Amino acid sequence: MKSASTFLVLFLLLPGAVFAGDIKLEADRQFDQCMRETKKDREQCSFGGCGNIVGACYERQLGTISAATEPLTKRLSSGRCAQAAASAASDIDSLDSRLKSLPPLDNTWNGYEVQVEMALLKHKVMSAVAKECQSNP
């Protein structure tokens, strides 16, 4: 019975461990899984909005990163590092917004790739701020 409870604890903690470990791997896994799930639809698509199928996979990837970043940002919203975290998040969000509206990146696959990188950057910065704030009370 003890091994069953250990398995249950590991199963419940695994998603958090993945997010704490390497969010890029998990986000890429989600994108790849989406692409596998939509392969038939993409191959059979014959109308003008076929790219929306791939766009949904990018959105899923972005959602995975965001789901890992939001708790960090929320946790940092109060306390001694709140101002630094808010400033960093705001700067990254502003840069992301400006970059994705540039004509070469606006509504393109490369634009989605830049959004993914910006989301990963935000996660990395929030993680670093959280780590520094924990180690330097």
N, C-alpha and C. Protein backbone atom coordinates (compact mmCIF):
# COMPACT_ATOMS: atom_id res chain seq x y z
N MET A 1 0.81 -1.19 0.00
CA MET A 1 0.00 0.00 0.00
C MET A 1 0.86 1.26 0.00
N LYS A 2 2.03 1.17 0.66
CA LYS A 2 2.91 2.32 0.71
C LYS A 2 3.38 2.72 -0.67
N SER A 3 3.68 1.75 -1.54
CA SER A 3 4.14 2.08 -2.89
C SER A 3 3.02 2.74 -3.69
N ALA A 4 1.78 2.37 -3.46
CA ALA A 4 0.66 3.01 -4.15
C ALA A 4 0.54 4.47 -3.74
N SER A 5 0.72 4.76 -2.45
CA SER A 5 0.63 6.15 -2.02
C SER A 5 1.83 6.95 -2.52
N THR A 6 3.00 6.33 -2.60
CA THR A 6 4.17 7.00 -3.15
C THR A 6 3.95 7.32 -4.62
N PHE A 7 3.40 6.35 -5.35
CA PHE A 7 3.09 6.58 -6.76
C PHE A 7 2.10 7.73 -6.93
N LEU A 8 1.08 7.78 -6.08
CA LEU A 8 0.08 8.84 -6.15
C LEU A 8 0.72 10.20 -5.90
N VAL A 9 1.59 10.29 -4.91
CA VAL A 9 2.27 11.55 -4.61
C VAL A 9 3.13 11.97 -5.80
N LEU A 10 3.89 11.03 -6.37
CA LEU A 10 4.72 11.35 -7.54
C LEU A 10 3.87 11.78 -8.73
N PHE A 11 2.74 11.12 -8.92
CA PHE A 11 1.85 11.45 -10.03
C PHE A 11 1.30 12.87 -9.86
N LEU A 12 0.95 13.24 -8.64
CA LEU A 12 0.41 14.57 -8.39
C LEU A 12 1.49 15.65 -8.48
N LEU A 13 2.71 15.32 -8.13
CA LEU A 13 3.79 16.30 -8.15
C LEU A 13 4.49 16.41 -9.49
N LEU A 14 4.34 15.43 -10.36
CA LEU A 14 5.06 15.41 -11.62
C LEU A 14 4.83 16.65 -12.48
N PRO A 15 3.57 17.10 -12.69
CA PRO A 15 3.42 18.31 -13.51
C PRO A 15 4.17 19.50 -12.93
N GLY A 16 4.17 19.68 -11.64
CA GLY A 16 4.92 20.77 -11.02
C GLY A 16 6.41 20.61 -11.21
N ALA A 17 6.88 19.39 -11.15
CA ALA A 17 8.30 19.13 -11.35
C ALA A 17 8.70 19.43 -12.78
N VAL A 18 7.82 19.09 -13.73
CA VAL A 18 8.11 19.38 -15.13
C VAL A 18 8.21 20.89 -15.31
N PHE A 19 7.26 21.63 -14.75
CA PHE A 19 7.29 23.08 -14.89
C PHE A 19 8.50 23.68 -14.20
N ALA A 20 8.87 23.11 -13.06
CA ALA A 20 10.02 23.63 -12.35
C ALA A 20 11.31 23.28 -13.08
N GLY A 21 11.31 22.13 -13.75
CA GLY A 21 12.52 21.67 -14.43
C GLY A 21 12.75 22.40 -15.73
N ASP A 22 12.14 21.97 -16.80
CA ASP A 22 12.38 22.59 -18.08
C ASP A 22 11.08 22.79 -18.81
N ILE A 23 10.54 23.97 -18.70
CA ILE A 23 9.26 24.29 -19.32
C ILE A 23 9.34 24.21 -20.83
N LYS A 24 10.50 24.48 -21.39
CA LYS A 24 10.65 24.42 -22.85
C LYS A 24 10.38 23.01 -23.36
N LEU A 25 10.89 22.01 -22.67
CA LEU A 25 10.64 20.63 -23.08
C LEU A 25 9.16 20.30 -23.04
N GLU A 26 8.48 20.72 -21.98
CA GLU A 26 7.05 20.45 -21.85
C GLU A 26 6.26 21.21 -22.90
N ALA A 27 6.61 22.46 -23.16
CA ALA A 27 5.91 23.24 -24.17
C ALA A 27 6.11 22.64 -25.56
N ASP A 28 7.33 22.21 -25.85
CA ASP A 28 7.61 21.56 -27.14
C ASP A 28 6.84 20.25 -27.25
N ARG A 29 6.75 19.53 -26.15
CA ARG A 29 6.00 18.27 -26.15
C ARG A 29 4.52 18.53 -26.46
N GLN A 30 3.97 19.58 -25.86
CA GLN A 30 2.56 19.93 -26.11
C GLN A 30 2.35 20.32 -27.58
N PHE A 31 3.28 21.09 -28.14
CA PHE A 31 3.18 21.48 -29.55
C PHE A 31 3.23 20.24 -30.44
N ASP A 32 4.21 19.37 -30.19
CA ASP A 32 4.36 18.16 -31.00
C ASP A 32 3.12 17.27 -30.89
N GLN A 33 2.58 17.14 -29.69
CA GLN A 33 1.38 16.33 -29.49
C GLN A 33 0.21 16.92 -30.28
N CYS A 34 0.06 18.21 -30.24
CA CYS A 34 -1.00 18.88 -30.99
C CYS A 34 -0.84 18.65 -32.49
N MET A 35 0.40 18.75 -32.96
CA MET A 35 0.65 18.53 -34.38
C MET A 35 0.31 17.09 -34.78
N ARG A 36 0.60 16.13 -33.90
CA ARG A 36 0.22 14.74 -34.19
C ARG A 36 -1.30 14.60 -34.21
N GLU A 37 -1.96 15.22 -33.24
CA GLU A 37 -3.42 15.13 -33.13
C GLU A 37 -4.12 15.77 -34.32
N THR A 38 -3.53 16.77 -34.92
CA THR A 38 -4.17 17.51 -36.02
C THR A 38 -3.62 17.14 -37.39
N LYS A 39 -2.76 16.14 -37.45
CA LYS A 39 -2.12 15.79 -38.73
C LYS A 39 -3.16 15.52 -39.82
N LYS A 40 -4.15 14.72 -39.53
CA LYS A 40 -5.16 14.38 -40.53
C LYS A 40 -5.91 15.63 -40.99
N ASP A 41 -6.29 16.47 -40.05
CA ASP A 41 -7.01 17.70 -40.40
C ASP A 41 -6.15 18.61 -41.27
N ARG A 42 -4.87 18.72 -40.93
CA ARG A 42 -3.96 19.57 -41.71
C ARG A 42 -3.77 19.02 -43.12
N GLU A 43 -3.65 17.70 -43.23
CA GLU A 43 -3.44 17.09 -44.55
C GLU A 43 -4.68 17.17 -45.43
N GLN A 44 -5.86 17.15 -44.80
CA GLN A 44 -7.09 17.17 -45.57
C GLN A 44 -7.67 18.57 -45.75
N CYS A 45 -7.05 19.55 -45.17
CA CYS A 45 -7.56 20.91 -45.23
C CYS A 45 -7.42 21.46 -46.65
N SER A 46 -8.50 22.09 -47.12
CA SER A 46 -8.46 22.63 -48.48
C SER A 46 -9.09 24.02 -48.56
N PHE A 47 -9.20 24.69 -47.43
CA PHE A 47 -9.76 26.03 -47.45
C PHE A 47 -8.73 27.04 -46.97
N GLY A 48 -9.03 28.31 -47.05
CA GLY A 48 -8.07 29.37 -46.77
C GLY A 48 -7.58 29.47 -45.34
N GLY A 49 -8.28 28.91 -44.38
CA GLY A 49 -7.89 29.05 -42.98
C GLY A 49 -7.14 27.86 -42.41
N CYS A 50 -6.48 27.10 -43.26
CA CYS A 50 -5.79 25.88 -42.81
C CYS A 50 -4.70 26.19 -41.79
N GLY A 51 -4.09 27.35 -41.90
CA GLY A 51 -3.03 27.73 -40.97
C GLY A 51 -3.53 27.88 -39.55
N ASN A 52 -4.83 28.07 -39.38
CA ASN A 52 -5.38 28.19 -38.03
C ASN A 52 -5.18 26.91 -37.22
N ILE A 53 -5.10 25.80 -37.90
CA ILE A 53 -4.89 24.52 -37.21
C ILE A 53 -3.51 24.53 -36.55
N VAL A 54 -2.49 24.94 -37.28
CA VAL A 54 -1.15 25.02 -36.72
C VAL A 54 -1.09 26.13 -35.67
N GLY A 55 -1.78 27.23 -35.95
CA GLY A 55 -1.84 28.33 -34.98
C GLY A 55 -2.37 27.87 -33.64
N ALA A 56 -3.33 26.97 -33.65
CA ALA A 56 -3.88 26.44 -32.40
C ALA A 56 -2.81 25.65 -31.64
N CYS A 57 -1.92 25.00 -32.35
CA CYS A 57 -0.83 24.27 -31.70
C CYS A 57 0.16 25.24 -31.05
N TYR A 58 0.44 26.34 -31.73
CA TYR A 58 1.29 27.37 -31.12
C TYR A 58 0.61 27.95 -29.88
N GLU A 59 -0.70 28.18 -29.96
CA GLU A 59 -1.43 28.71 -28.82
C GLU A 59 -1.39 27.73 -27.63
N ARG A 60 -1.45 26.46 -27.93
CA ARG A 60 -1.35 25.44 -26.89
C ARG A 60 0.03 25.48 -26.24
N GLN A 61 1.06 25.66 -27.05
CA GLN A 61 2.42 25.77 -26.55
C GLN A 61 2.54 27.01 -25.66
N LEU A 62 2.02 28.13 -26.12
CA LEU A 62 2.06 29.36 -25.33
C LEU A 62 1.27 29.21 -24.04
N GLY A 63 0.15 28.51 -24.09
CA GLY A 63 -0.66 28.27 -22.90
C GLY A 63 0.07 27.45 -21.86
N THR A 64 0.84 26.48 -22.31
CA THR A 64 1.63 25.65 -21.41
C THR A 64 2.66 26.50 -20.66
N ILE A 65 3.33 27.37 -21.40
CA ILE A 65 4.34 28.23 -20.77
C ILE A 65 3.68 29.22 -19.82
N SER A 66 2.59 29.79 -20.26
CA SER A 66 1.86 30.76 -19.44
C SER A 66 1.36 30.12 -18.14
N ALA A 67 0.88 28.88 -18.24
CA ALA A 67 0.38 28.17 -17.05
C ALA A 67 1.49 27.96 -16.03
N ALA A 68 2.72 27.85 -16.48
CA ALA A 68 3.85 27.68 -15.57
C ALA A 68 4.34 29.02 -15.04
N THR A 69 4.14 30.09 -15.80
CA THR A 69 4.64 31.40 -15.42
C THR A 69 3.69 32.14 -14.48
N GLU A 70 2.40 31.97 -14.67
CA GLU A 70 1.41 32.70 -13.88
C GLU A 70 1.56 32.49 -12.37
N PRO A 71 1.76 31.26 -11.89
CA PRO A 71 1.93 31.10 -10.44
C PRO A 71 3.17 31.82 -9.91
N LEU A 72 4.23 31.83 -10.69
CA LEU A 72 5.44 32.56 -10.28
C LEU A 72 5.15 34.05 -10.17
N THR A 73 4.51 34.59 -11.19
CA THR A 73 4.19 36.00 -11.22
C THR A 73 3.27 36.37 -10.06
N LYS A 74 2.29 35.52 -9.81
CA LYS A 74 1.35 35.78 -8.70
C LYS A 74 2.07 35.74 -7.36
N ARG A 75 2.93 34.75 -7.19
CA ARG A 75 3.67 34.63 -5.93
C ARG A 75 4.58 35.83 -5.71
N LEU A 76 5.09 36.40 -6.78
CA LEU A 76 6.00 37.54 -6.68
C LEU A 76 5.27 38.88 -6.61
N SER A 77 3.95 38.85 -6.68
CA SER A 77 3.20 40.11 -6.72
C SER A 77 3.15 40.84 -5.39
N SER A 78 3.63 40.21 -4.34
CA SER A 78 3.72 40.89 -3.05
C SER A 78 5.07 40.54 -2.44
N GLY A 79 5.48 41.34 -1.51
CA GLY A 79 6.78 41.11 -0.88
C GLY A 79 7.83 42.03 -1.43
N ARG A 80 9.05 41.80 -1.01
CA ARG A 80 10.13 42.73 -1.34
C ARG A 80 10.53 42.73 -2.81
N CYS A 81 10.20 41.69 -3.54
CA CYS A 81 10.56 41.62 -4.95
C CYS A 81 9.40 41.96 -5.88
N ALA A 82 8.31 42.41 -5.33
CA ALA A 82 7.11 42.67 -6.13
C ALA A 82 7.36 43.71 -7.21
N GLN A 83 8.02 44.79 -6.87
CA GLN A 83 8.25 45.85 -7.85
C GLN A 83 9.17 45.38 -8.98
N ALA A 84 10.22 44.67 -8.64
CA ALA A 84 11.15 44.17 -9.66
C ALA A 84 10.44 43.17 -10.58
N ALA A 85 9.65 42.28 -10.00
CA ALA A 85 8.93 41.28 -10.79
C ALA A 85 7.91 41.95 -11.70
N ALA A 86 7.17 42.90 -11.18
CA ALA A 86 6.17 43.61 -11.99
C ALA A 86 6.83 44.37 -13.12
N SER A 87 7.94 45.02 -12.84
CA SER A 87 8.65 45.78 -13.85
C SER A 87 9.19 44.85 -14.95
N ALA A 88 9.78 43.74 -14.56
CA ALA A 88 10.32 42.79 -15.54
C ALA A 88 9.19 42.21 -16.40
N ALA A 89 8.10 41.82 -15.77
CA ALA A 89 6.96 41.26 -16.51
C ALA A 89 6.40 42.28 -17.48
N SER A 90 6.27 43.51 -17.04
CA SER A 90 5.75 44.57 -17.89
C SER A 90 6.67 44.84 -19.09
N ASP A 91 7.96 44.89 -18.83
CA ASP A 91 8.93 45.11 -19.92
C ASP A 91 8.88 44.00 -20.95
N ILE A 92 8.81 42.76 -20.49
CA ILE A 92 8.78 41.62 -21.41
C ILE A 92 7.47 41.62 -22.19
N ASP A 93 6.35 41.89 -21.51
CA ASP A 93 5.05 41.93 -22.20
C ASP A 93 5.03 43.04 -23.25
N SER A 94 5.61 44.18 -22.92
CA SER A 94 5.66 45.30 -23.86
C SER A 94 6.50 44.95 -25.09
N LEU A 95 7.66 44.36 -24.86
CA LEU A 95 8.52 43.96 -25.97
C LEU A 95 7.83 42.91 -26.84
N ASP A 96 7.19 41.95 -26.20
CA ASP A 96 6.46 40.91 -26.93
C ASP A 96 5.39 41.54 -27.82
N SER A 97 4.66 42.46 -27.27
CA SER A 97 3.60 43.13 -28.02
C SER A 97 4.16 43.89 -29.22
N ARG A 98 5.25 44.61 -29.00
CA ARG A 98 5.86 45.37 -30.10
C ARG A 98 6.41 44.45 -31.18
N LEU A 99 7.07 43.37 -30.77
CA LEU A 99 7.67 42.46 -31.75
C LEU A 99 6.61 41.75 -32.60
N LYS A 100 5.56 41.26 -31.96
CA LYS A 100 4.59 40.51 -32.73
C LYS A 100 3.73 41.38 -33.64
N SER A 101 3.81 42.70 -33.47
CA SER A 101 3.07 43.58 -34.37
C SER A 101 3.92 44.10 -35.53
N LEU A 102 5.20 43.75 -35.55
CA LEU A 102 6.04 44.14 -36.68
C LEU A 102 5.56 43.43 -37.95
N PRO A 103 5.46 44.15 -39.07
CA PRO A 103 4.95 43.52 -40.30
C PRO A 103 5.60 42.19 -40.68
N PRO A 104 6.91 41.99 -40.56
CA PRO A 104 7.43 40.66 -40.93
C PRO A 104 7.02 39.56 -39.95
N LEU A 105 6.60 39.92 -38.75
CA LEU A 105 6.26 38.91 -37.75
C LEU A 105 4.76 38.82 -37.47
N ASP A 106 4.02 39.81 -37.91
CA ASP A 106 2.59 39.89 -37.64
C ASP A 106 1.85 38.73 -38.31
N ASN A 107 1.27 37.86 -37.50
CA ASN A 107 0.49 36.71 -37.99
C ASN A 107 1.28 35.78 -38.91
N THR A 108 2.52 35.50 -38.53
CA THR A 108 3.36 34.56 -39.29
C THR A 108 3.85 33.46 -38.35
N TRP A 109 4.35 32.37 -38.93
CA TRP A 109 4.90 31.29 -38.12
C TRP A 109 6.13 31.79 -37.36
N ASN A 110 6.95 32.60 -38.00
CA ASN A 110 8.10 33.17 -37.31
C ASN A 110 7.65 34.07 -36.16
N GLY A 111 6.56 34.77 -36.36
CA GLY A 111 6.00 35.59 -35.29
C GLY A 111 5.59 34.74 -34.09
N TYR A 112 4.97 33.59 -34.37
CA TYR A 112 4.62 32.67 -33.28
C TYR A 112 5.87 32.17 -32.56
N GLU A 113 6.91 31.87 -33.34
CA GLU A 113 8.16 31.40 -32.73
C GLU A 113 8.74 32.46 -31.79
N VAL A 114 8.66 33.72 -32.20
CA VAL A 114 9.15 34.81 -31.35
C VAL A 114 8.28 34.91 -30.09
N GLN A 115 6.98 34.75 -30.22
CA GLN A 115 6.10 34.78 -29.05
C GLN A 115 6.45 33.67 -28.07
N VAL A 116 6.76 32.50 -28.59
CA VAL A 116 7.15 31.38 -27.73
C VAL A 116 8.45 31.72 -27.00
N GLU A 117 9.41 32.27 -27.71
CA GLU A 117 10.68 32.64 -27.07
C GLU A 117 10.48 33.72 -26.01
N MET A 118 9.61 34.67 -26.27
CA MET A 118 9.33 35.73 -25.29
C MET A 118 8.64 35.15 -24.06
N ALA A 119 7.73 34.21 -24.26
CA ALA A 119 7.06 33.56 -23.14
C ALA A 119 8.07 32.77 -22.30
N LEU A 120 9.00 32.10 -22.98
CA LEU A 120 10.05 31.37 -22.26
C LEU A 120 10.96 32.33 -21.50
N LEU A 121 11.27 33.47 -22.11
CA LEU A 121 12.08 34.48 -21.44
C LEU A 121 11.38 34.97 -20.18
N LYS A 122 10.10 35.25 -20.28
CA LYS A 122 9.35 35.72 -19.12
C LYS A 122 9.38 34.68 -18.01
N HIS A 123 9.21 33.42 -18.36
CA HIS A 123 9.25 32.35 -17.37
C HIS A 123 10.63 32.29 -16.71
N LYS A 124 11.67 32.38 -17.52
CA LYS A 124 13.03 32.32 -16.99
C LYS A 124 13.31 33.50 -16.06
N VAL A 125 12.89 34.69 -16.45
CA VAL A 125 13.12 35.87 -15.61
C VAL A 125 12.34 35.76 -14.30
N MET A 126 11.07 35.36 -14.38
CA MET A 126 10.27 35.23 -13.16
C MET A 126 10.86 34.15 -12.24
N SER A 127 11.36 33.07 -12.83
CA SER A 127 12.01 32.02 -12.04
C SER A 127 13.26 32.53 -11.36
N ALA A 128 14.05 33.30 -12.10
CA ALA A 128 15.29 33.86 -11.52
C ALA A 128 14.98 34.84 -10.40
N VAL A 129 14.00 35.69 -10.59
CA VAL A 129 13.61 36.64 -9.54
C VAL A 129 13.12 35.88 -8.31
N ALA A 130 12.31 34.86 -8.53
CA ALA A 130 11.79 34.07 -7.42
C ALA A 130 12.94 33.39 -6.66
N LYS A 131 13.89 32.85 -7.40
CA LYS A 131 15.03 32.17 -6.77
C LYS A 131 15.85 33.17 -5.94
N GLU A 132 16.13 34.32 -6.50
CA GLU A 132 16.89 35.34 -5.78
C GLU A 132 16.15 35.83 -4.54
N CYS A 133 14.87 35.99 -4.65
CA CYS A 133 14.09 36.49 -3.52
C CYS A 133 14.00 35.45 -2.39
N GLN A 134 14.02 34.17 -2.76
CA GLN A 134 14.01 33.13 -1.74
C GLN A 134 15.37 33.03 -1.06
N SER A 135 16.45 33.16 -1.82
CA SER A 135 17.78 32.94 -1.26
C SER A 135 18.32 34.17 -0.53
N ASN A 136 17.71 35.32 -0.75
CA ASN A 136 18.15 36.55 -0.09
C ASN A 136 16.98 37.22 0.64
N PRO A 137 16.53 36.64 1.74
CA PRO A 137 15.35 37.18 2.43
C PRO A 137 15.55 38.57 2.99
